[in-house]
Amino acid sequence: MALRPIDNAIPMTPERPKKQAKIALPAQKVPDRVGKDENKLPSVQALPEDASIDYVLSENLQGFQDPDTKFQGLVGGLESKDWLKVCGSLNDARRFALHHPDYLEPILEKIILVMVKAIKNPRSALCKTSLMAAADVFKAFGEKLLEPESDSFNQLLLQMLLKASQDKKFVCEEADRALAAMVESIAPFSLLKNLAPYAAHLNLRVRAKAAMSISNCVSKMDLKGLEQFGLVELIKMAANLINDKLPEAREAARGIAISVYEARTENEEEKEQFWQAFCHSNLPATHALAMVKLVVSP
């Protein structure tokens, strides 16, 4: 009898693979998104917050056919919790300021405080709309904005300087336009008293923006107005700004010094000698030398 090969005698059972030890990993928590809508498909992106906002230029704003009726809902719209409604009401306030200012004058301080709140809002669209409203209010009311005894104007001024100093370009540019409208619409002497403290602000960008507005104010003043505000105070301000880190502040310092120099030496025959004596009598030696070189250098 033929013997069978041993390999074929006993069937081989395939070796079972060894089970790998299971390691329990802690589940990673997915951070909740602010304002997440669970019914919204993840592939659908929300529209930008300013997608439905129209930034209308002042010259394109028309008056109301029925301002009485429109005015009745203005304050309610400005105080709304719906930011889109606030934007619309701010644009209505712009139209009132430009075409029906008598309606706004009794509630001017309330309008200023609403603008301050809107400029502080993190929504760029609301901030920009409020800055546009501020520019139109400046054009319409000028120095009347300084009349209330409250600090509302200074609050508005600070917010404009802060927004003009930030990195978001389209907000920064709008704040610059609002500051320019303010300088153009308010008498420089009155405005200087409000701007002067910000020339020493700890934030170097705020300091530079304030210095530029101050320089623009000073350039519009004659000798009498400069003397009324204080020639020595202005030249000290320029001396402190001339070595500032930002070129805008240094350029503003030069503008202030030149304006004071031209006004103060207008009727002097020896202008440079008079200016040198003026600077040395009111400033430390190093600052005086800087101010002298600033205006007499070619």
Protein backbone atom coordinates (compact mmCIF):
# COMPACT_ATOMS: atom_id res chain seq x y z
CA MET A 1 0.00 0.00 0.00
CA ALA A 2 1.43 3.30 -0.98
CA LEU A 3 2.04 5.68 1.82
CA ARG A 4 0.60 9.17 1.60
CA PRO A 5 2.90 12.09 2.02
CA ILE A 6 2.90 13.41 5.52
CA ASP A 7 2.17 16.95 4.24
CA ASN A 8 -1.12 15.72 2.89
CA ALA A 9 -2.02 13.58 5.87
CA ILE A 10 -2.92 16.23 8.32
CA PRO A 11 -4.75 19.28 7.00
CA MET A 12 -3.19 22.50 8.18
CA THR A 13 -5.44 24.97 9.95
CA PRO A 14 -4.52 28.57 9.02
CA GLU A 15 -3.23 30.53 11.97
CA ARG A 16 -5.64 33.14 13.19
CA PRO A 17 -4.36 36.69 13.22
CA LYS A 18 -3.66 38.02 16.66
CA LYS A 19 -6.06 40.64 17.90
CA GLN A 20 -4.61 44.05 18.33
CA ALA A 21 -5.09 45.66 21.72
CA LYS A 22 -7.66 48.40 21.55
CA ILE A 23 -6.58 51.80 22.81
CA ALA A 24 -9.31 54.18 23.82
CA LEU A 25 -8.55 57.63 22.52
CA PRO A 26 -10.25 60.65 24.12
CA ALA A 27 -12.82 62.14 21.84
CA GLN A 28 -11.76 65.54 20.53
CA LYS A 29 -14.24 68.22 21.34
CA VAL A 30 -15.18 70.37 18.40
CA PRO A 31 -15.52 73.98 19.53
CA ASP A 32 -18.93 75.44 19.09
CA ARG A 33 -19.13 78.25 16.61
CA VAL A 34 -20.63 81.47 17.73
CA GLY A 35 -24.09 81.85 16.31
CA LYS A 36 -23.96 78.38 14.64
CA ASP A 37 -27.08 77.39 12.77
CA GLU A 38 -27.42 73.60 13.01
CA ASN A 39 -29.87 73.55 10.10
CA LYS A 40 -27.41 75.21 7.78
CA LEU A 41 -25.40 73.03 5.43
CA PRO A 42 -21.67 73.28 6.18
CA SER A 43 -20.86 73.93 2.53
CA VAL A 44 -22.99 77.08 2.43
CA GLN A 45 -21.14 80.22 3.47
CA ALA A 46 -22.91 83.13 5.11
CA LEU A 47 -22.96 86.43 3.26
CA PRO A 48 -20.62 89.16 4.45
CA GLU A 49 -22.15 91.29 7.15
CA ASP A 50 -22.14 94.40 4.95
CA ALA A 51 -23.52 92.68 1.83
CA SER A 52 -26.90 94.40 2.15
CA ILE A 53 -25.59 97.85 3.10
CA ASP A 54 -25.48 100.70 0.61
CA TYR A 55 -22.88 103.37 1.31
CA VAL A 56 -24.50 106.40 -0.26
CA LEU A 57 -22.41 109.51 -0.85
CA SER A 58 -23.66 112.72 0.75
CA GLU A 59 -24.31 114.38 -2.59
CA ASN A 60 -26.63 111.52 -3.58
CA LEU A 61 -28.81 111.75 -0.49
CA GLN A 62 -32.20 113.33 -1.14
CA GLY A 63 -34.59 115.09 1.21
CA PHE A 64 -37.87 113.57 2.40
CA GLN A 65 -41.19 114.39 0.79
CA ASP A 66 -42.88 113.97 4.18
CA PRO A 67 -40.22 114.65 6.85
CA ASP A 68 -42.82 114.86 9.65
CA THR A 69 -43.92 111.26 9.18
CA LYS A 70 -40.38 109.99 8.66
CA PHE A 71 -39.11 111.72 11.77
CA GLN A 72 -41.64 109.96 13.99
CA GLY A 73 -39.82 106.65 13.60
CA LEU A 74 -36.26 107.97 13.56
CA VAL A 75 -35.39 107.65 17.25
CA GLY A 76 -36.95 104.20 17.49
CA GLY A 77 -34.92 103.04 14.52
CA LEU A 78 -31.69 104.43 15.97
CA GLU A 79 -32.33 102.61 19.26
CA SER A 80 -33.24 99.31 17.57
CA LYS A 81 -31.39 96.10 18.44
CA ASP A 82 -31.40 95.20 14.75
CA TRP A 83 -28.12 96.58 13.40
CA LEU A 84 -29.45 96.70 9.84
CA LYS A 85 -32.30 98.89 11.01
CA VAL A 86 -29.83 101.14 12.84
CA CYS A 87 -27.84 101.52 9.61
CA GLY A 88 -30.98 102.55 7.77
CA SER A 89 -31.90 105.04 10.48
CA LEU A 90 -28.40 106.52 10.45
CA ASN A 91 -28.78 107.11 6.72
CA ASP A 92 -32.13 108.76 7.44
CA ALA A 93 -30.39 110.94 10.04
CA ARG A 94 -27.90 111.95 7.35
CA ARG A 95 -30.75 113.04 5.09
CA PHE A 96 -32.31 115.03 7.92
CA ALA A 97 -28.97 116.67 8.71
CA LEU A 98 -28.38 117.72 5.10
CA HIS A 99 -31.92 118.69 4.08
CA HIS A 100 -34.03 119.10 7.25
CA PRO A 101 -31.56 120.04 10.04
CA ASP A 102 -34.20 121.73 12.20
CA TYR A 103 -35.67 118.33 12.98
CA LEU A 104 -32.39 116.98 14.36
CA GLU A 105 -31.25 119.97 16.41
CA PRO A 106 -33.42 119.23 19.47
CA ILE A 107 -32.10 115.65 19.65
CA LEU A 108 -28.55 116.39 18.54
CA GLU A 109 -26.90 115.00 21.65
CA LYS A 110 -28.89 111.77 21.35
CA ILE A 111 -27.76 111.48 17.74
CA ILE A 112 -24.11 111.92 18.79
CA LEU A 113 -24.38 109.20 21.44
CA VAL A 114 -25.99 106.81 18.95
CA MET A 115 -23.11 107.46 16.54
CA VAL A 116 -20.57 106.81 19.31
CA LYS A 117 -22.21 103.49 20.14
CA ALA A 118 -22.38 102.49 16.47
CA ILE A 119 -18.72 103.38 15.84
CA LYS A 120 -17.74 101.14 18.76
CA ASN A 121 -19.72 98.25 17.30
CA PRO A 122 -17.53 95.44 15.92
CA ARG A 123 -19.62 95.30 12.73
CA SER A 124 -17.59 97.25 10.19
CA ALA A 125 -20.66 98.11 8.11
CA LEU A 126 -22.38 99.77 11.05
CA CYS A 127 -19.17 101.54 12.06
CA LYS A 128 -18.61 102.92 8.54
CA THR A 129 -22.22 104.09 8.22
CA SER A 130 -21.95 105.92 11.54
CA LEU A 131 -18.72 107.64 10.47
CA MET A 132 -20.44 108.80 7.29
CA ALA A 133 -23.29 110.12 9.43
CA ALA A 134 -20.80 111.96 11.66
CA ALA A 135 -19.28 113.73 8.64
CA ASP A 136 -22.71 114.93 7.48
CA VAL A 137 -23.68 116.03 10.99
CA PHE A 138 -20.46 118.08 11.19
CA LYS A 139 -21.28 119.75 7.89
CA ALA A 140 -24.81 120.58 9.01
CA PHE A 141 -24.24 121.75 12.58
CA GLY A 142 -20.58 122.76 12.97
CA GLU A 143 -19.91 124.40 16.32
CA LYS A 144 -23.39 123.59 17.62
CA LEU A 145 -21.97 120.16 18.39
CA LEU A 146 -19.77 121.77 21.06
CA GLU A 147 -22.63 123.54 22.80
CA PRO A 148 -24.00 120.75 25.03
CA GLU A 149 -22.36 120.64 28.43
CA SER A 150 -22.07 116.84 28.28
CA ASP A 151 -18.99 115.00 27.09
CA SER A 152 -20.70 113.53 24.04
CA PHE A 153 -18.57 115.39 21.49
CA ASN A 154 -15.32 114.29 23.13
CA GLN A 155 -16.56 110.70 23.10
CA LEU A 156 -17.23 111.00 19.37
CA LEU A 157 -13.85 112.62 18.74
CA LEU A 158 -12.00 109.84 20.56
CA GLN A 159 -13.81 107.11 18.64
CA MET A 160 -13.03 108.78 15.31
CA LEU A 161 -9.34 109.03 16.23
CA LEU A 162 -9.29 105.38 17.29
CA LYS A 163 -10.96 104.18 14.10
CA ALA A 164 -8.69 106.35 11.97
CA SER A 165 -5.77 104.59 13.66
CA GLN A 166 -6.81 101.01 13.02
CA ASP A 167 -5.71 98.64 10.26
CA LYS A 168 -9.04 98.03 8.53
CA LYS A 169 -8.57 100.28 5.52
CA PHE A 170 -12.13 101.13 4.51
CA VAL A 171 -13.06 102.06 8.09
CA CYS A 172 -9.81 104.00 8.57
CA GLU A 173 -10.39 106.03 5.41
CA GLU A 174 -13.95 106.84 6.44
CA ALA A 175 -12.75 108.02 9.85
CA ASP A 176 -10.17 110.24 8.13
CA ARG A 177 -12.94 111.79 6.04
CA ALA A 178 -15.03 112.39 9.15
CA LEU A 179 -12.08 114.09 10.88
CA ALA A 180 -11.49 116.25 7.80
CA ALA A 181 -15.18 117.27 7.76
CA MET A 182 -14.91 118.15 11.45
CA VAL A 183 -11.87 120.40 10.90
CA GLU A 184 -13.55 122.04 7.93
CA SER A 185 -16.86 122.68 9.71
CA ILE A 186 -15.86 123.81 13.22
CA ALA A 187 -13.97 127.00 14.06
CA PRO A 188 -10.31 126.06 14.62
CA PHE A 189 -9.93 127.81 17.97
CA SER A 190 -12.90 125.97 19.47
CA LEU A 191 -11.76 122.65 18.05
CA LEU A 192 -8.14 123.01 19.17
CA LYS A 193 -9.18 122.96 22.81
CA ASN A 194 -10.72 119.52 22.28
CA LEU A 195 -7.93 118.16 20.09
CA ALA A 196 -4.90 119.35 22.09
CA PRO A 197 -4.97 116.65 24.83
CA TYR A 198 -4.79 113.89 22.20
CA ALA A 199 -1.45 115.19 20.90
CA ALA A 200 0.05 113.51 23.97
CA HIS A 201 -2.02 110.30 23.76
CA LEU A 202 -0.20 107.08 24.65
CA ASN A 203 -1.33 105.42 21.42
CA LEU A 204 1.14 106.68 18.82
CA ARG A 205 -1.37 106.35 15.96
CA VAL A 206 -4.03 108.31 17.82
CA ARG A 207 -1.37 110.90 18.60
CA ALA A 208 -0.43 111.18 14.94
CA LYS A 209 -4.04 111.52 13.74
CA ALA A 210 -4.73 114.18 16.36
CA ALA A 211 -1.54 116.03 15.41
CA MET A 212 -2.57 116.10 11.76
CA SER A 213 -5.96 117.58 12.65
CA ILE A 214 -4.29 120.13 14.91
CA SER A 215 -1.91 121.13 12.12
CA ASN A 216 -4.87 121.62 9.77
CA CYS A 217 -6.62 123.79 12.37
CA VAL A 218 -3.53 125.92 13.02
CA SER A 219 -3.00 126.52 9.29
CA LYS A 220 -6.42 128.23 9.16
CA MET A 221 -5.76 130.63 12.06
CA ASP A 222 -4.36 134.16 12.03
CA LEU A 223 -1.98 135.58 14.62
CA LYS A 224 -4.79 136.80 16.86
CA GLY A 225 -6.36 133.36 17.02
CA LEU A 226 -3.00 131.67 17.62
CA GLU A 227 -2.20 134.08 20.43
CA GLN A 228 -5.62 133.52 21.92
CA PHE A 229 -4.99 129.79 22.05
CA GLY A 230 -1.35 130.15 23.07
CA LEU A 231 1.72 130.44 20.84
CA VAL A 232 3.96 128.91 23.49
CA GLU A 233 1.64 125.94 23.98
CA LEU A 234 1.60 125.29 20.24
CA ILE A 235 5.35 125.48 19.82
CA LYS A 236 5.86 123.15 22.79
CA MET A 237 3.40 120.72 21.21
CA ALA A 238 5.36 120.83 17.94
CA ALA A 239 8.65 120.30 19.78
CA ASN A 240 7.29 117.20 21.49
CA LEU A 241 5.99 115.76 18.22
CA ILE A 242 9.02 116.46 16.04
CA ASN A 243 10.82 113.30 17.22
CA ASP A 244 7.73 111.09 17.22
CA LYS A 245 8.02 107.55 15.81
CA LEU A 246 5.40 108.08 13.10
CA PRO A 247 6.19 110.29 10.08
CA GLU A 248 2.62 111.69 10.10
CA ALA A 249 3.20 113.12 13.58
CA ARG A 250 6.56 114.60 12.57
CA GLU A 251 5.05 116.17 9.46
CA ALA A 252 2.22 117.61 11.57
CA ALA A 253 4.81 119.08 13.97
CA ARG A 254 6.53 120.77 11.04
CA GLY A 255 3.19 122.18 9.84
CA ILE A 256 2.36 123.57 13.29
CA ALA A 257 5.79 125.16 13.67
CA ILE A 258 5.72 126.75 10.22
CA SER A 259 2.22 128.17 10.78
CA VAL A 260 3.29 129.71 14.10
CA TYR A 261 6.53 131.00 12.57
CA GLU A 262 4.81 132.66 9.61
CA ALA A 263 2.10 134.27 11.75
CA ARG A 264 4.47 135.44 14.50
CA THR A 265 7.21 136.84 12.26
CA GLU A 266 4.97 138.37 9.59
CA ASN A 267 5.74 141.93 10.63
CA GLU A 268 9.32 141.32 11.75
CA GLU A 269 12.27 142.42 9.63
CA GLU A 270 14.76 139.96 11.11
CA LYS A 271 12.53 136.92 11.01
CA GLU A 272 15.10 134.20 11.71
CA GLN A 273 16.69 136.07 14.60
CA PHE A 274 13.30 136.81 16.12
CA TRP A 275 12.24 133.18 15.77
CA GLN A 276 15.45 131.93 17.33
CA ALA A 277 15.00 134.21 20.33
CA PHE A 278 11.34 133.16 20.67
CA CYS A 279 12.19 129.45 20.66
CA HIS A 280 15.12 129.73 23.07
CA SER A 281 13.07 131.76 25.53
CA ASN A 282 10.24 129.22 25.66
CA LEU A 283 11.84 125.80 25.02
CA PRO A 284 14.74 123.72 26.33
CA ALA A 285 17.91 124.22 24.30
CA THR A 286 17.68 121.00 22.28
CA HIS A 287 14.00 121.55 21.45
CA ALA A 288 14.64 125.19 20.58
CA LEU A 289 17.43 124.24 18.19
CA ALA A 290 15.17 121.70 16.49
CA MET A 291 12.41 124.29 16.02
CA VAL A 292 14.85 126.83 14.60
CA LYS A 293 16.27 124.34 12.10
CA LEU A 294 12.77 123.18 11.21
CA VAL A 295 11.64 126.49 9.74
CA VAL A 296 14.89 128.02 8.46
CA SER A 297 16.28 124.92 6.73
CA PRO A 298 15.91 124.99 2.93
